[in-house]
Amino acid sequence: MARKIAALSPELIAAVKRLVPPTDLADGLKAEHGAWADLVSGSLPARLMTRALEHGVQTPEGERDLESLMRDVAATLWRPQAYSAGVASTDSSTTTGISRSV
């Protein structure tokens, strides 16, 4: 469980921390909406989906183990040595990190 939590993006962890515990349902729903909006805006979702497509997320093999594939792809986005200002390094040893072949 700890490894799964540690593999989550800092943005997702921060969003969850802002949500727990809501003191009132209306405040909790507003906080949840704000956290979701923060997660789906900006460049991160587009980068995540682009990398996922590059690594076979829409293939039968990728769909069979979607959670692992997405966690592997996400991990490549949050490694500072793999990305600098959102641009992939040209050194394939630091950018791939995906153990499956698709």
N, C-alpha and C. Protein backbone atom coordinates (compact mmCIF):
# COMPACT_ATOMS: atom_id res chain seq x y z
N MET A 1 0.83 -1.18 0.00
CA MET A 1 0.00 0.00 0.00
C MET A 1 0.88 1.25 0.00
N ALA A 2 1.93 1.23 0.82
CA ALA A 2 2.81 2.40 0.89
C ALA A 2 3.47 2.69 -0.46
N ARG A 3 3.86 1.64 -1.19
CA ARG A 3 4.49 1.85 -2.50
C ARG A 3 3.51 2.48 -3.48
N LYS A 4 2.24 2.04 -3.43
CA LYS A 4 1.24 2.61 -4.34
C LYS A 4 1.02 4.09 -4.03
N ILE A 5 0.94 4.43 -2.75
CA ILE A 5 0.76 5.83 -2.37
C ILE A 5 1.99 6.65 -2.78
N ALA A 6 3.18 6.09 -2.54
CA ALA A 6 4.41 6.81 -2.88
C ALA A 6 4.54 7.04 -4.38
N ALA A 7 3.92 6.18 -5.20
CA ALA A 7 4.03 6.32 -6.65
C ALA A 7 3.08 7.37 -7.20
N LEU A 8 2.18 7.89 -6.39
CA LEU A 8 1.23 8.90 -6.86
C LEU A 8 1.92 10.24 -7.06
N SER A 9 1.33 11.05 -7.91
CA SER A 9 1.93 12.36 -8.18
C SER A 9 1.80 13.26 -6.96
N PRO A 10 2.72 14.18 -6.79
CA PRO A 10 2.62 15.14 -5.69
C PRO A 10 1.32 15.95 -5.75
N GLU A 11 0.86 16.24 -6.97
CA GLU A 11 -0.39 16.99 -7.11
C GLU A 11 -1.59 16.20 -6.58
N LEU A 12 -1.61 14.91 -6.87
CA LEU A 12 -2.71 14.07 -6.40
C LEU A 12 -2.69 13.94 -4.88
N ILE A 13 -1.53 13.74 -4.31
CA ILE A 13 -1.40 13.63 -2.86
C ILE A 13 -1.85 14.93 -2.20
N ALA A 14 -1.43 16.07 -2.74
CA ALA A 14 -1.83 17.37 -2.18
C ALA A 14 -3.35 17.54 -2.26
N ALA A 15 -3.94 17.10 -3.38
CA ALA A 15 -5.39 17.22 -3.54
C ALA A 15 -6.12 16.40 -2.48
N VAL A 16 -5.64 15.19 -2.24
CA VAL A 16 -6.27 14.33 -1.23
C VAL A 16 -6.13 14.94 0.16
N LYS A 17 -4.97 15.48 0.45
CA LYS A 17 -4.76 16.09 1.77
C LYS A 17 -5.70 17.27 1.99
N ARG A 18 -6.01 18.02 0.92
CA ARG A 18 -6.94 19.14 1.06
C ARG A 18 -8.36 18.68 1.32
N LEU A 19 -8.68 17.45 0.96
CA LEU A 19 -10.04 16.94 1.07
C LEU A 19 -10.35 16.27 2.40
N VAL A 20 -9.36 15.85 3.13
CA VAL A 20 -9.60 15.06 4.35
C VAL A 20 -9.31 15.89 5.57
N PRO A 21 -10.16 15.91 6.54
CA PRO A 21 -11.59 15.59 6.52
C PRO A 21 -12.39 16.87 6.29
N PRO A 22 -13.42 16.82 5.48
CA PRO A 22 -14.24 18.02 5.32
C PRO A 22 -15.09 18.24 6.57
N THR A 23 -15.21 19.48 7.00
CA THR A 23 -15.99 19.77 8.20
C THR A 23 -17.47 19.82 7.90
N ASP A 24 -17.82 20.05 6.66
CA ASP A 24 -19.24 20.08 6.29
C ASP A 24 -19.35 19.61 4.85
N LEU A 25 -20.42 18.95 4.52
CA LEU A 25 -20.57 18.33 3.21
C LEU A 25 -20.41 19.34 2.07
N ALA A 26 -21.02 20.51 2.19
CA ALA A 26 -20.93 21.52 1.12
C ALA A 26 -19.48 21.96 0.93
N ASP A 27 -18.77 22.19 2.04
CA ASP A 27 -17.36 22.57 1.93
C ASP A 27 -16.55 21.44 1.30
N GLY A 28 -16.86 20.21 1.69
CA GLY A 28 -16.15 19.05 1.14
C GLY A 28 -16.37 18.92 -0.36
N LEU A 29 -17.61 19.12 -0.82
CA LEU A 29 -17.90 19.03 -2.25
C LEU A 29 -17.20 20.14 -3.03
N LYS A 30 -17.16 21.33 -2.47
CA LYS A 30 -16.44 22.44 -3.12
C LYS A 30 -14.95 22.13 -3.22
N ALA A 31 -14.39 21.60 -2.13
CA ALA A 31 -12.97 21.25 -2.12
C ALA A 31 -12.68 20.14 -3.12
N GLU A 32 -13.57 19.15 -3.19
CA GLU A 32 -13.39 18.05 -4.14
C GLU A 32 -13.43 18.58 -5.57
N HIS A 33 -14.39 19.44 -5.86
CA HIS A 33 -14.49 20.02 -7.20
C HIS A 33 -13.22 20.81 -7.54
N GLY A 34 -12.75 21.61 -6.61
CA GLY A 34 -11.53 22.39 -6.84
C GLY A 34 -10.31 21.51 -7.06
N ALA A 35 -10.20 20.45 -6.26
CA ALA A 35 -9.07 19.53 -6.39
C ALA A 35 -9.11 18.83 -7.75
N TRP A 36 -10.30 18.39 -8.17
CA TRP A 36 -10.44 17.73 -9.47
C TRP A 36 -10.08 18.70 -10.59
N ALA A 37 -10.57 19.92 -10.52
CA ALA A 37 -10.27 20.91 -11.55
C ALA A 37 -8.77 21.17 -11.63
N ASP A 38 -8.09 21.22 -10.49
CA ASP A 38 -6.64 21.42 -10.49
C ASP A 38 -5.92 20.26 -11.17
N LEU A 39 -6.41 19.03 -10.95
CA LEU A 39 -5.75 17.85 -11.50
C LEU A 39 -5.94 17.70 -13.01
N VAL A 40 -7.06 18.16 -13.54
CA VAL A 40 -7.33 17.96 -14.96
C VAL A 40 -7.02 19.19 -15.81
N SER A 41 -6.48 20.22 -15.19
CA SER A 41 -6.10 21.40 -15.95
C SER A 41 -4.58 21.46 -16.05
N GLY A 42 -4.10 22.32 -16.88
CA GLY A 42 -2.66 22.47 -17.03
C GLY A 42 -2.09 21.44 -18.00
N SER A 43 -0.78 21.32 -18.00
CA SER A 43 -0.10 20.47 -18.98
C SER A 43 0.03 19.02 -18.53
N LEU A 44 -0.09 18.73 -17.25
CA LEU A 44 0.14 17.37 -16.77
C LEU A 44 -0.77 16.33 -17.42
N PRO A 45 -2.09 16.53 -17.48
CA PRO A 45 -2.94 15.50 -18.11
C PRO A 45 -2.57 15.22 -19.57
N ALA A 46 -2.27 16.26 -20.32
CA ALA A 46 -1.90 16.07 -21.72
C ALA A 46 -0.59 15.29 -21.83
N ARG A 47 0.39 15.62 -20.99
CA ARG A 47 1.66 14.89 -21.01
C ARG A 47 1.45 13.44 -20.61
N LEU A 48 0.63 13.20 -19.61
CA LEU A 48 0.35 11.84 -19.15
C LEU A 48 -0.31 11.03 -20.26
N MET A 49 -1.32 11.58 -20.91
CA MET A 49 -2.01 10.85 -21.97
C MET A 49 -1.12 10.62 -23.18
N THR A 50 -0.29 11.60 -23.52
CA THR A 50 0.63 11.43 -24.64
C THR A 50 1.59 10.28 -24.38
N ARG A 51 2.18 10.28 -23.17
CA ARG A 51 3.11 9.20 -22.81
C ARG A 51 2.40 7.85 -22.76
N ALA A 52 1.16 7.83 -22.25
CA ALA A 52 0.41 6.58 -22.17
C ALA A 52 0.16 6.02 -23.57
N LEU A 53 -0.22 6.87 -24.50
CA LEU A 53 -0.44 6.42 -25.87
C LEU A 53 0.84 5.91 -26.50
N GLU A 54 1.96 6.57 -26.22
CA GLU A 54 3.25 6.13 -26.75
C GLU A 54 3.63 4.76 -26.22
N HIS A 55 3.12 4.39 -25.05
CA HIS A 55 3.47 3.12 -24.42
C HIS A 55 2.36 2.08 -24.50
N GLY A 56 1.43 2.26 -25.43
CA GLY A 56 0.48 1.21 -25.75
C GLY A 56 -0.76 1.12 -24.88
N VAL A 57 -1.19 2.22 -24.29
CA VAL A 57 -2.35 2.18 -23.40
C VAL A 57 -3.61 1.70 -24.13
N GLN A 58 -3.72 1.93 -25.42
CA GLN A 58 -4.91 1.54 -26.15
C GLN A 58 -4.71 0.24 -26.94
N THR A 59 -3.77 -0.58 -26.54
CA THR A 59 -3.59 -1.89 -27.15
C THR A 59 -4.22 -2.92 -26.22
N PRO A 60 -4.55 -4.10 -26.73
CA PRO A 60 -5.11 -5.13 -25.84
C PRO A 60 -4.19 -5.43 -24.65
N GLU A 61 -2.90 -5.50 -24.90
CA GLU A 61 -1.94 -5.77 -23.81
C GLU A 61 -1.93 -4.64 -22.78
N GLY A 62 -1.92 -3.40 -23.26
CA GLY A 62 -1.93 -2.25 -22.37
C GLY A 62 -3.20 -2.17 -21.55
N GLU A 63 -4.33 -2.48 -22.18
CA GLU A 63 -5.60 -2.41 -21.47
C GLU A 63 -5.75 -3.52 -20.43
N ARG A 64 -5.09 -4.66 -20.66
CA ARG A 64 -5.17 -5.76 -19.68
C ARG A 64 -4.52 -5.38 -18.35
N ASP A 65 -3.49 -4.55 -18.40
CA ASP A 65 -2.80 -4.16 -17.18
C ASP A 65 -2.71 -2.63 -17.13
N LEU A 66 -3.85 -2.00 -17.27
CA LEU A 66 -3.93 -0.54 -17.37
C LEU A 66 -3.34 0.16 -16.15
N GLU A 67 -3.66 -0.33 -14.95
CA GLU A 67 -3.16 0.34 -13.75
C GLU A 67 -1.64 0.36 -13.71
N SER A 68 -1.01 -0.77 -13.96
CA SER A 68 0.46 -0.81 -13.92
C SER A 68 1.08 0.06 -15.01
N LEU A 69 0.51 0.00 -16.21
CA LEU A 69 1.03 0.80 -17.30
C LEU A 69 0.95 2.28 -16.95
N MET A 70 -0.20 2.72 -16.45
CA MET A 70 -0.38 4.14 -16.12
C MET A 70 0.54 4.56 -14.97
N ARG A 71 0.72 3.69 -13.97
CA ARG A 71 1.65 4.02 -12.88
C ARG A 71 3.08 4.14 -13.40
N ASP A 72 3.47 3.24 -14.29
CA ASP A 72 4.81 3.30 -14.87
C ASP A 72 5.00 4.58 -15.68
N VAL A 73 4.02 4.91 -16.49
CA VAL A 73 4.09 6.13 -17.30
C VAL A 73 4.14 7.36 -16.39
N ALA A 74 3.27 7.40 -15.39
CA ALA A 74 3.24 8.54 -14.48
C ALA A 74 4.57 8.71 -13.76
N ALA A 75 5.19 7.60 -13.38
CA ALA A 75 6.48 7.68 -12.69
C ALA A 75 7.53 8.36 -13.56
N THR A 76 7.45 8.17 -14.89
CA THR A 76 8.44 8.82 -15.75
C THR A 76 8.24 10.33 -15.80
N LEU A 77 7.01 10.78 -15.56
CA LEU A 77 6.75 12.22 -15.59
C LEU A 77 7.22 12.93 -14.32
N TRP A 78 7.28 12.23 -13.21
CA TRP A 78 7.62 12.87 -11.94
C TRP A 78 9.07 12.70 -11.55
N ARG A 79 9.85 12.04 -12.39
CA ARG A 79 11.28 11.94 -12.11
C ARG A 79 11.97 13.19 -12.64
N PRO A 80 12.59 13.99 -11.77
CA PRO A 80 13.22 15.23 -12.24
C PRO A 80 14.27 15.01 -13.32
N GLN A 81 15.01 13.89 -13.26
CA GLN A 81 16.04 13.67 -14.27
C GLN A 81 15.44 13.32 -15.62
N ALA A 82 14.18 12.88 -15.68
CA ALA A 82 13.57 12.50 -16.94
C ALA A 82 12.99 13.71 -17.67
N TYR A 83 12.55 14.69 -16.93
CA TYR A 83 11.92 15.85 -17.55
C TYR A 83 12.47 17.13 -16.95
N SER A 84 12.73 18.07 -17.80
CA SER A 84 13.17 19.37 -17.36
C SER A 84 12.21 20.38 -17.97
N ALA A 85 11.48 21.06 -17.13
CA ALA A 85 10.47 22.05 -17.58
C ALA A 85 9.47 21.43 -18.54
N GLY A 86 9.14 20.12 -18.30
CA GLY A 86 8.12 19.46 -19.10
C GLY A 86 8.59 18.96 -20.44
N VAL A 87 9.90 18.99 -20.70
CA VAL A 87 10.44 18.52 -21.98
C VAL A 87 11.26 17.27 -21.72
N ALA A 88 11.00 16.23 -22.47
CA ALA A 88 11.69 14.95 -22.27
C ALA A 88 13.17 15.08 -22.60
N SER A 89 13.96 14.37 -21.83
CA SER A 89 15.38 14.27 -22.09
C SER A 89 15.59 13.42 -23.33
N THR A 90 16.70 13.63 -24.04
CA THR A 90 16.97 12.81 -25.21
C THR A 90 17.65 11.51 -24.83
N ASP A 91 18.08 11.36 -23.59
CA ASP A 91 18.71 10.13 -23.11
C ASP A 91 17.62 9.11 -22.80
N SER A 92 17.48 8.09 -23.65
CA SER A 92 16.38 7.14 -23.49
C SER A 92 16.49 6.34 -22.20
N SER A 93 17.67 6.23 -21.61
CA SER A 93 17.79 5.48 -20.37
C SER A 93 17.12 6.18 -19.21
N THR A 94 16.89 7.49 -19.30
CA THR A 94 16.23 8.21 -18.20
C THR A 94 14.79 8.51 -18.49
N THR A 95 14.33 8.32 -19.72
CA THR A 95 12.96 8.69 -20.02
C THR A 95 12.02 7.52 -20.15
N THR A 96 12.52 6.34 -20.47
CA THR A 96 11.59 5.26 -20.70
C THR A 96 11.10 4.69 -19.39
N GLY A 97 11.89 3.95 -18.68
CA GLY A 97 11.49 3.41 -17.40
C GLY A 97 10.32 2.47 -17.48
N ILE A 98 9.85 2.13 -18.67
CA ILE A 98 8.70 1.24 -18.85
C ILE A 98 9.25 -0.14 -19.15
N SER A 99 8.90 -1.12 -18.30
CA SER A 99 9.48 -2.44 -18.44
C SER A 99 8.77 -3.31 -19.47
N ARG A 100 7.57 -2.95 -19.85
CA ARG A 100 6.82 -3.78 -20.80
C ARG A 100 7.15 -3.37 -22.23
N SER A 101 7.00 -4.30 -23.15
CA SER A 101 7.16 -3.96 -24.56
C SER A 101 5.81 -4.13 -25.22
N VAL A 102 5.37 -3.09 -25.89
CA VAL A 102 4.06 -3.10 -26.55
C VAL A 102 4.20 -2.70 -27.99
